[in-house]
Structures are given as C-alpha cells and as structure tokens.
Amino acid sequence: MPAEPDNKKDKQASAAQAREVIDVFHEISTLLNADLDRQTLSICISLIENGVNPEALASVVKELRKDAEETKREIQLGNQ
C-alpha cells in the first residue's frame, strides 16, 4: 500500500509540469500573436506528441481560421 502516496505525488507532479509547459507555450503563442488559448494549445501539443506532423497541423489551423473568417463575413453580410 505505500506505493499509492508516491503514485499520487507523481501524478500531481506530472500535472504541474504539464500546466507549466502549457503556460510557456501560451506565453510564446501570445508573443507571436498566434491567438491560441490554453485548451487549443493543449490539444495541438497532444496531437503532435501522438505523431501528427506539426507543419500539417499548422496548415490545418490556418485553413480553419480562414474558413471561420469567411463564414463570419458571410453572416455579417446576410444580417445587413
């Protein structure tokens, strides 16, 4: 039974490290005006850790943003 407290401490330390990593990436994202929130960064990091090509992921994010902007413009034009 003594292994449980160490396991709990390990999980807490791991979670704290993950938060620190996300915080650092969020600061970098802010400095680069990438406009990615912590949740989005976390998802992107997880995808990259699981083998997604970072350049391909960046292209998809750019394309999704472009599509979102076009949709917003179309909605605004339709409401006028």
PDB file of N, CA and C in Angstrom:
ATOM      1  N   MET A   1       0.787  -1.208   0.000  1.00  0.00           N
ATOM      2  CA  MET A   1       0.000   0.000   0.000  1.00  0.00           C
ATOM      3  C   MET A   1       0.832   1.276   0.000  1.00  0.00           C
ATOM      4  N   PRO A   2       2.085   1.293   0.428  1.00  0.00           N
ATOM      5  CA  PRO A   2       2.840   2.539   0.447  1.00  0.00           C
ATOM      6  C   PRO A   2       3.099   3.108  -0.951  1.00  0.00           C
ATOM      7  N   ALA A   3       2.883   2.330  -1.996  1.00  0.00           N
ATOM      8  CA  ALA A   3       3.135   2.831  -3.354  1.00  0.00           C
ATOM      9  C   ALA A   3       2.106   3.872  -3.780  1.00  0.00           C
ATOM     10  N   GLU A   4       0.913   3.850  -3.208  1.00  0.00           N
ATOM     11  CA  GLU A   4      -0.140   4.789  -3.611  1.00  0.00           C
ATOM     12  C   GLU A   4       0.220   6.246  -3.361  1.00  0.00           C
ATOM     13  N   PRO A   5       0.721   6.624  -2.181  1.00  0.00           N
ATOM     14  CA  PRO A   5       1.065   8.035  -1.988  1.00  0.00           C
ATOM     15  C   PRO A   5       2.111   8.528  -2.983  1.00  0.00           C
ATOM     16  N   ASP A   6       3.107   7.693  -3.283  1.00  0.00           N
ATOM     17  CA  ASP A   6       4.116   8.084  -4.263  1.00  0.00           C
ATOM     18  C   ASP A   6       3.490   8.237  -5.637  1.00  0.00           C
ATOM     19  N   ASN A   7       2.587   7.336  -5.992  1.00  0.00           N
ATOM     20  CA  ASN A   7       1.903   7.395  -7.275  1.00  0.00           C
ATOM     21  C   ASN A   7       1.081   8.675  -7.369  1.00  0.00           C
ATOM     22  N   LYS A   8       0.403   9.027  -6.284  1.00  0.00           N
ATOM     23  CA  LYS A   8      -0.401  10.255  -6.257  1.00  0.00           C
ATOM     24  C   LYS A   8       0.505  11.480  -6.408  1.00  0.00           C
ATOM     25  N   LYS A   9       1.645  11.460  -5.710  1.00  0.00           N
ATOM     26  CA  LYS A   9       2.599  12.571  -5.811  1.00  0.00           C
ATOM     27  C   LYS A   9       3.156  12.671  -7.227  1.00  0.00           C
ATOM     28  N   ASP A  10       3.443  11.519  -7.846  1.00  0.00           N
ATOM     29  CA  ASP A  10       3.952  11.506  -9.211  1.00  0.00           C
ATOM     30  C   ASP A  10       2.932  12.102 -10.181  1.00  0.00           C
ATOM     31  N   LYS A  11       1.662  11.724  -9.991  1.00  0.00           N
ATOM     32  CA  LYS A  11       0.599  12.257 -10.857  1.00  0.00           C
ATOM     33  C   LYS A  11       0.446  13.756 -10.668  1.00  0.00           C
ATOM     34  N   GLN A  12       0.526  14.215  -9.424  1.00  0.00           N
ATOM     35  CA  GLN A  12       0.413  15.649  -9.150  1.00  0.00           C
ATOM     36  C   GLN A  12       1.589  16.408  -9.754  1.00  0.00           C
ATOM     37  N   ALA A  13       2.782  15.855  -9.639  1.00  0.00           N
ATOM     38  CA  ALA A  13       3.967  16.492 -10.206  1.00  0.00           C
ATOM     39  C   ALA A  13       3.879  16.526 -11.723  1.00  0.00           C
ATOM     40  N   SER A  14       3.400  15.438 -12.303  1.00  0.00           N
ATOM     41  CA  SER A  14       3.248  15.372 -13.752  1.00  0.00           C
ATOM     42  C   SER A  14       2.223  16.391 -14.240  1.00  0.00           C
ATOM     43  N   ALA A  15       1.121  16.524 -13.523  1.00  0.00           N
ATOM     44  CA  ALA A  15       0.096  17.501 -13.897  1.00  0.00           C
ATOM     45  C   ALA A  15       0.629  18.924 -13.771  1.00  0.00           C
ATOM     46  N   ALA A  16       1.410  19.175 -12.735  1.00  0.00           N
ATOM     47  CA  ALA A  16       2.002  20.508 -12.549  1.00  0.00           C
ATOM     48  C   ALA A  16       2.971  20.821 -13.684  1.00  0.00           C
ATOM     49  N   GLN A  17       3.760  19.837 -14.088  1.00  0.00           N
ATOM     50  CA  GLN A  17       4.701  20.039 -15.201  1.00  0.00           C
ATOM     51  C   GLN A  17       3.946  20.310 -16.491  1.00  0.00           C
ATOM     52  N   ALA A  18       2.857  19.590 -16.710  1.00  0.00           N
ATOM     53  CA  ALA A  18       2.055  19.789 -17.922  1.00  0.00           C
ATOM     54  C   ALA A  18       1.483  21.201 -17.948  1.00  0.00           C
ATOM     55  N   ARG A  19       0.996  21.687 -16.804  1.00  0.00           N
ATOM     56  CA  ARG A  19       0.473  23.056 -16.733  1.00  0.00           C
ATOM     57  C   ARG A  19       1.560  24.078 -17.031  1.00  0.00           C
ATOM     58  N   GLU A  20       2.764  23.828 -16.503  1.00  0.00           N
ATOM     59  CA  GLU A  20       3.884  24.737 -16.758  1.00  0.00           C
ATOM     60  C   GLU A  20       4.220  24.779 -18.245  1.00  0.00           C
ATOM     61  N   VAL A  21       4.228  23.618 -18.887  1.00  0.00           N
ATOM     62  CA  VAL A  21       4.524  23.549 -20.321  1.00  0.00           C
ATOM     63  C   VAL A  21       3.472  24.330 -21.107  1.00  0.00           C
ATOM     64  N   ILE A  22       2.207  24.131 -20.773  1.00  0.00           N
ATOM     65  CA  ILE A  22       1.131  24.849 -21.452  1.00  0.00           C
ATOM     66  C   ILE A  22       1.273  26.347 -21.217  1.00  0.00           C
ATOM     67  N   ASP A  23       1.627  26.749 -19.997  1.00  0.00           N
ATOM     68  CA  ASP A  23       1.817  28.172 -19.702  1.00  0.00           C
ATOM     69  C   ASP A  23       2.924  28.772 -20.560  1.00  0.00           C
ATOM     70  N   VAL A  24       4.026  28.050 -20.695  1.00  0.00           N
ATOM     71  CA  VAL A  24       5.137  28.540 -21.514  1.00  0.00           C
ATOM     72  C   VAL A  24       4.719  28.658 -22.979  1.00  0.00           C
ATOM     73  N   PHE A  25       4.058  27.612 -23.481  1.00  0.00           N
ATOM     74  CA  PHE A  25       3.595  27.669 -24.869  1.00  0.00           C
ATOM     75  C   PHE A  25       2.571  28.783 -25.070  1.00  0.00           C
ATOM     76  N   HIS A  26       1.737  29.023 -24.067  1.00  0.00           N
ATOM     77  CA  HIS A  26       0.748  30.095 -24.184  1.00  0.00           C
ATOM     78  C   HIS A  26       1.442  31.456 -24.243  1.00  0.00           C
ATOM     79  N   GLU A  27       2.480  31.630 -23.440  1.00  0.00           N
ATOM     80  CA  GLU A  27       3.253  32.882 -23.490  1.00  0.00           C
ATOM     81  C   GLU A  27       3.874  33.068 -24.869  1.00  0.00           C
ATOM     82  N   ILE A  28       4.444  32.003 -25.411  1.00  0.00           N
ATOM     83  CA  ILE A  28       5.039  32.076 -26.746  1.00  0.00           C
ATOM     84  C   ILE A  28       3.964  32.395 -27.777  1.00  0.00           C
ATOM     85  N   SER A  29       2.821  31.737 -27.667  1.00  0.00           N
ATOM     86  CA  SER A  29       1.701  31.972 -28.572  1.00  0.00           C
ATOM     87  C   SER A  29       1.270  33.433 -28.530  1.00  0.00           C
ATOM     88  N   THR A  30       1.209  33.993 -27.327  1.00  0.00           N
ATOM     89  CA  THR A  30       0.819  35.395 -27.167  1.00  0.00           C
ATOM     90  C   THR A  30       1.854  36.317 -27.788  1.00  0.00           C
ATOM     91  N   LEU A  31       3.131  36.050 -27.549  1.00  0.00           N
ATOM     92  CA  LEU A  31       4.199  36.881 -28.106  1.00  0.00           C
ATOM     93  C   LEU A  31       4.201  36.856 -29.637  1.00  0.00           C
ATOM     94  N   LEU A  32       3.824  35.709 -30.204  1.00  0.00           N
ATOM     95  CA  LEU A  32       3.807  35.565 -31.663  1.00  0.00           C
ATOM     96  C   LEU A  32       2.455  35.935 -32.278  1.00  0.00           C
ATOM     97  N   ASN A  33       1.539  36.409 -31.432  1.00  0.00           N
ATOM     98  CA  ASN A  33       0.184  36.754 -31.888  1.00  0.00           C
ATOM     99  C   ASN A  33      -0.495  35.582 -32.602  1.00  0.00           C
ATOM    100  N   ALA A  34      -0.275  34.382 -32.080  1.00  0.00           N
ATOM    101  CA  ALA A  34      -0.858  33.185 -32.684  1.00  0.00           C
ATOM    102  C   ALA A  34      -2.328  33.019 -32.295  1.00  0.00           C
ATOM    103  N   ASP A  35      -2.737  33.705 -31.235  1.00  0.00           N
ATOM    104  CA  ASP A  35      -4.137  33.687 -30.802  1.00  0.00           C
ATOM    105  C   ASP A  35      -4.648  32.273 -30.539  1.00  0.00           C
ATOM    106  N   LEU A  36      -3.859  31.502 -29.794  1.00  0.00           N
ATOM    107  CA  LEU A  36      -4.270  30.157 -29.390  1.00  0.00           C
ATOM    108  C   LEU A  36      -4.459  30.149 -27.874  1.00  0.00           C
ATOM    109  N   ASP A  37      -5.621  29.712 -27.422  1.00  0.00           N
ATOM    110  CA  ASP A  37      -5.854  29.629 -25.983  1.00  0.00           C
ATOM    111  C   ASP A  37      -5.189  28.371 -25.420  1.00  0.00           C
ATOM    112  N   ARG A  38      -5.197  28.259 -24.103  1.00  0.00           N
ATOM    113  CA  ARG A  38      -4.518  27.130 -23.452  1.00  0.00           C
ATOM    114  C   ARG A  38      -5.117  25.781 -23.863  1.00  0.00           C
ATOM    115  N   GLN A  39      -6.420  25.724 -23.988  1.00  0.00           N
ATOM    116  CA  GLN A  39      -7.050  24.457 -24.363  1.00  0.00           C
ATOM    117  C   GLN A  39      -6.634  24.046 -25.774  1.00  0.00           C
ATOM    118  N   THR A  40      -6.645  24.990 -26.703  1.00  0.00           N
ATOM    119  CA  THR A  40      -6.249  24.695 -28.078  1.00  0.00           C
ATOM    120  C   THR A  40      -4.785  24.271 -28.135  1.00  0.00           C
ATOM    121  N   LEU A  41      -3.938  24.981 -27.390  1.00  0.00           N
ATOM    122  CA  LEU A  41      -2.523  24.607 -27.337  1.00  0.00           C
ATOM    123  C   LEU A  41      -2.347  23.195 -26.793  1.00  0.00           C
ATOM    124  N   SER A  42      -3.096  22.883 -25.751  1.00  0.00           N
ATOM    125  CA  SER A  42      -3.016  21.547 -25.157  1.00  0.00           C
ATOM    126  C   SER A  42      -3.389  20.474 -26.180  1.00  0.00           C
ATOM    127  N   ILE A  43      -4.443  20.734 -26.930  1.00  0.00           N
ATOM    128  CA  ILE A  43      -4.870  19.778 -27.959  1.00  0.00           C
ATOM    129  C   ILE A  43      -3.797  19.642 -29.031  1.00  0.00           C
ATOM    130  N   CYS A  44      -3.251  20.766 -29.482  1.00  0.00           N
ATOM    131  CA  CYS A  44      -2.201  20.726 -30.516  1.00  0.00           C
ATOM    132  C   CYS A  44      -0.967  19.968 -30.040  1.00  0.00           C
ATOM    133  N   ILE A  45      -0.565  20.221 -28.805  1.00  0.00           N
ATOM    134  CA  ILE A  45       0.598  19.520 -28.247  1.00  0.00           C
ATOM    135  C   ILE A  45       0.327  18.024 -28.187  1.00  0.00           C
ATOM    136  N   SER A  46      -0.855  17.658 -27.748  1.00  0.00           N
ATOM    137  CA  SER A  46      -1.220  16.243 -27.670  1.00  0.00           C
ATOM    138  C   SER A  46      -1.199  15.593 -29.049  1.00  0.00           C
ATOM    139  N   LEU A  47      -1.729  16.299 -30.044  1.00  0.00           N
ATOM    140  CA  LEU A  47      -1.717  15.759 -31.406  1.00  0.00           C
ATOM    141  C   LEU A  47      -0.283  15.543 -31.900  1.00  0.00           C
ATOM    142  N   ILE A  48       0.572  16.512 -31.646  1.00  0.00           N
ATOM    143  CA  ILE A  48       1.974  16.401 -32.078  1.00  0.00           C
ATOM    144  C   ILE A  48       2.674  15.256 -31.340  1.00  0.00           C
ATOM    145  N   GLU A  49       2.414  15.139 -30.038  1.00  0.00           N
ATOM    146  CA  GLU A  49       3.006  14.038 -29.261  1.00  0.00           C
ATOM    147  C   GLU A  49       2.552  12.679 -29.780  1.00  0.00           C
ATOM    148  N   ASN A  50       1.378  12.644 -30.404  1.00  0.00           N
ATOM    149  CA  ASN A  50       0.843  11.387 -30.924  1.00  0.00           C
ATOM    150  C   ASN A  50       1.133  11.195 -32.411  1.00  0.00           C
ATOM    151  N   GLY A  51       2.068  11.974 -32.948  1.00  0.00           N
ATOM    152  CA  GLY A  51       2.569  11.717 -34.285  1.00  0.00           C
ATOM    153  C   GLY A  51       2.071  12.619 -35.399  1.00  0.00           C
ATOM    154  N   VAL A  52       1.219  13.589 -35.097  1.00  0.00           N
ATOM    155  CA  VAL A  52       0.755  14.491 -36.149  1.00  0.00           C
ATOM    156  C   VAL A  52       1.910  15.407 -36.557  1.00  0.00           C
ATOM    157  N   ASN A  53       2.060  15.598 -37.838  1.00  0.00           N
ATOM    158  CA  ASN A  53       3.107  16.476 -38.365  1.00  0.00           C
ATOM    159  C   ASN A  53       2.799  17.917 -37.962  1.00  0.00           C
ATOM    160  N   PRO A  54       3.730  18.603 -37.262  1.00  0.00           N
ATOM    161  CA  PRO A  54       3.472  19.976 -36.809  1.00  0.00           C
ATOM    162  C   PRO A  54       3.177  20.952 -37.948  1.00  0.00           C
ATOM    163  N   GLU A  55       3.871  20.799 -39.070  1.00  0.00           N
ATOM    164  CA  GLU A  55       3.630  21.698 -40.205  1.00  0.00           C
ATOM    165  C   GLU A  55       2.243  21.474 -40.790  1.00  0.00           C
ATOM    166  N   ALA A  56       1.834  20.229 -40.871  1.00  0.00           N
ATOM    167  CA  ALA A  56       0.491  19.924 -41.369  1.00  0.00           C
ATOM    168  C   ALA A  56      -0.567  20.473 -40.406  1.00  0.00           C
ATOM    169  N   LEU A  57      -0.323  20.328 -39.113  1.00  0.00           N
ATOM    170  CA  LEU A  57      -1.250  20.849 -38.118  1.00  0.00           C
ATOM    171  C   LEU A  57      -1.362  22.364 -38.224  1.00  0.00           C
ATOM    172  N   ALA A  58      -0.240  23.042 -38.393  1.00  0.00           N
ATOM    173  CA  ALA A  58      -0.256  24.500 -38.549  1.00  0.00           C
ATOM    174  C   ALA A  58      -1.058  24.897 -39.793  1.00  0.00           C
ATOM    175  N   SER A  59      -0.899  24.159 -40.872  1.00  0.00           N
ATOM    176  CA  SER A  59      -1.654  24.443 -42.091  1.00  0.00           C
ATOM    177  C   SER A  59      -3.155  24.275 -41.874  1.00  0.00           C
ATOM    178  N   VAL A  60      -3.524  23.233 -41.146  1.00  0.00           N
ATOM    179  CA  VAL A  60      -4.943  22.994 -40.865  1.00  0.00           C
ATOM    180  C   VAL A  60      -5.503  24.125 -39.999  1.00  0.00           C
ATOM    181  N   VAL A  61      -4.757  24.539 -38.980  1.00  0.00           N
ATOM    182  CA  VAL A  61      -5.216  25.624 -38.106  1.00  0.00           C
ATOM    183  C   VAL A  61      -5.394  26.905 -38.924  1.00  0.00           C
ATOM    184  N   LYS A  62      -4.444  27.214 -39.785  1.00  0.00           N
ATOM    185  CA  LYS A  62      -4.557  28.412 -40.635  1.00  0.00           C
ATOM    186  C   LYS A  62      -5.781  28.331 -41.541  1.00  0.00           C
ATOM    187  N   GLU A  63      -5.995  27.178 -42.129  1.00  0.00           N
ATOM    188  CA  GLU A  63      -7.134  26.998 -43.037  1.00  0.00           C
ATOM    189  C   GLU A  63      -8.459  27.116 -42.276  1.00  0.00           C
ATOM    190  N   LEU A  64      -8.527  26.536 -41.096  1.00  0.00           N
ATOM    191  CA  LEU A  64      -9.741  26.645 -40.289  1.00  0.00           C
ATOM    192  C   LEU A  64     -10.025  28.095 -39.896  1.00  0.00           C
ATOM    193  N   ARG A  65      -8.984  28.832 -39.567  1.00  0.00           N
ATOM    194  CA  ARG A  65      -9.164  30.256 -39.233  1.00  0.00           C
ATOM    195  C   ARG A  65      -9.668  31.037 -40.442  1.00  0.00           C
ATOM    196  N   LYS A  66      -9.086  30.747 -41.589  1.00  0.00           N
ATOM    197  CA  LYS A  66      -9.504  31.417 -42.825  1.00  0.00           C
ATOM    198  C   LYS A  66     -10.978  31.124 -43.113  1.00  0.00           C
ATOM    199  N   ASP A  67     -11.362  29.866 -42.997  1.00  0.00           N
ATOM    200  CA  ASP A  67     -12.759  29.480 -43.223  1.00  0.00           C
ATOM    201  C   ASP A  67     -13.690  30.150 -42.209  1.00  0.00           C
ATOM    202  N   ALA A  68     -13.256  30.228 -40.954  1.00  0.00           N
ATOM    203  CA  ALA A  68     -14.070  30.852 -39.911  1.00  0.00           C
ATOM    204  C   ALA A  68     -14.276  32.337 -40.216  1.00  0.00           C
ATOM    205  N   GLU A  69     -13.223  33.011 -40.668  1.00  0.00           N
ATOM    206  CA  GLU A  69     -13.338  34.429 -41.013  1.00  0.00           C
ATOM    207  C   GLU A  69     -14.294  34.634 -42.185  1.00  0.00           C
ATOM    208  N   GLU A  70     -14.195  33.776 -43.187  1.00  0.00           N
ATOM    209  CA  GLU A  70     -15.096  33.866 -44.340  1.00  0.00           C
ATOM    210  C   GLU A  70     -16.550  33.653 -43.912  1.00  0.00           C
ATOM    211  N   THR A  71     -16.765  32.701 -43.034  1.00  0.00           N
ATOM    212  CA  THR A  71     -18.116  32.425 -42.543  1.00  0.00           C
ATOM    213  C   THR A  71     -18.654  33.618 -41.759  1.00  0.00           C
ATOM    214  N   LYS A  72     -17.815  34.211 -40.911  1.00  0.00           N
ATOM    215  CA  LYS A  72     -18.232  35.401 -40.150  1.00  0.00           C
ATOM    216  C   LYS A  72     -18.622  36.529 -41.086  1.00  0.00           C
ATOM    217  N   ARG A  73     -17.820  36.742 -42.131  1.00  0.00           N
ATOM    218  CA  ARG A  73     -18.126  37.804 -43.092  1.00  0.00           C
ATOM    219  C   ARG A  73     -19.450  37.537 -43.797  1.00  0.00           C
ATOM    220  N   GLU A  74     -19.665  36.290 -44.182  1.00  0.00           N
ATOM    221  CA  GLU A  74     -20.925  35.929 -44.858  1.00  0.00           C
ATOM    222  C   GLU A  74     -22.115  36.141 -43.943  1.00  0.00           C
ATOM    223  N   ILE A  75     -21.969  35.806 -42.682  1.00  0.00           N
ATOM    224  CA  ILE A  75     -23.052  36.008 -41.715  1.00  0.00           C
ATOM    225  C   ILE A  75     -23.325  37.496 -41.547  1.00  0.00           C
ATOM    226  N   GLN A  76     -22.268  38.290 -41.433  1.00  0.00           N
ATOM    227  CA  GLN A  76     -22.438  39.736 -41.277  1.00  0.00           C
ATOM    228  C   GLN A  76     -23.109  40.352 -42.497  1.00  0.00           C
ATOM    229  N   LEU A  77     -22.726  39.909 -43.667  1.00  0.00           N
ATOM    230  CA  LEU A  77     -23.356  40.427 -44.899  1.00  0.00           C
ATOM    231  C   LEU A  77     -24.818  40.014 -44.986  1.00  0.00           C
ATOM    232  N   GLY A  78     -25.129  38.831 -44.519  1.00  0.00           N
ATOM    233  CA  GLY A  78     -26.510  38.349 -44.540  1.00  0.00           C
ATOM    234  C   GLY A  78     -27.402  39.066 -43.550  1.00  0.00           C
ATOM    235  N   ASN A  79     -26.798  39.601 -42.487  1.00  0.00           N
ATOM    236  CA  ASN A  79     -27.576  40.295 -41.456  1.00  0.00           C
ATOM    237  C   ASN A  79     -27.772  41.779 -41.767  1.00  0.00           C
ATOM    238  N   GLN A  80     -27.209  42.240 -42.856  1.00  0.00           N
ATOM    239  CA  GLN A  80     -27.330  43.668 -43.178  1.00  0.00           C
ATOM    240  C   GLN A  80     -28.513  43.947 -44.053  1.00  0.00           C
TER     241      GLN A  80
END
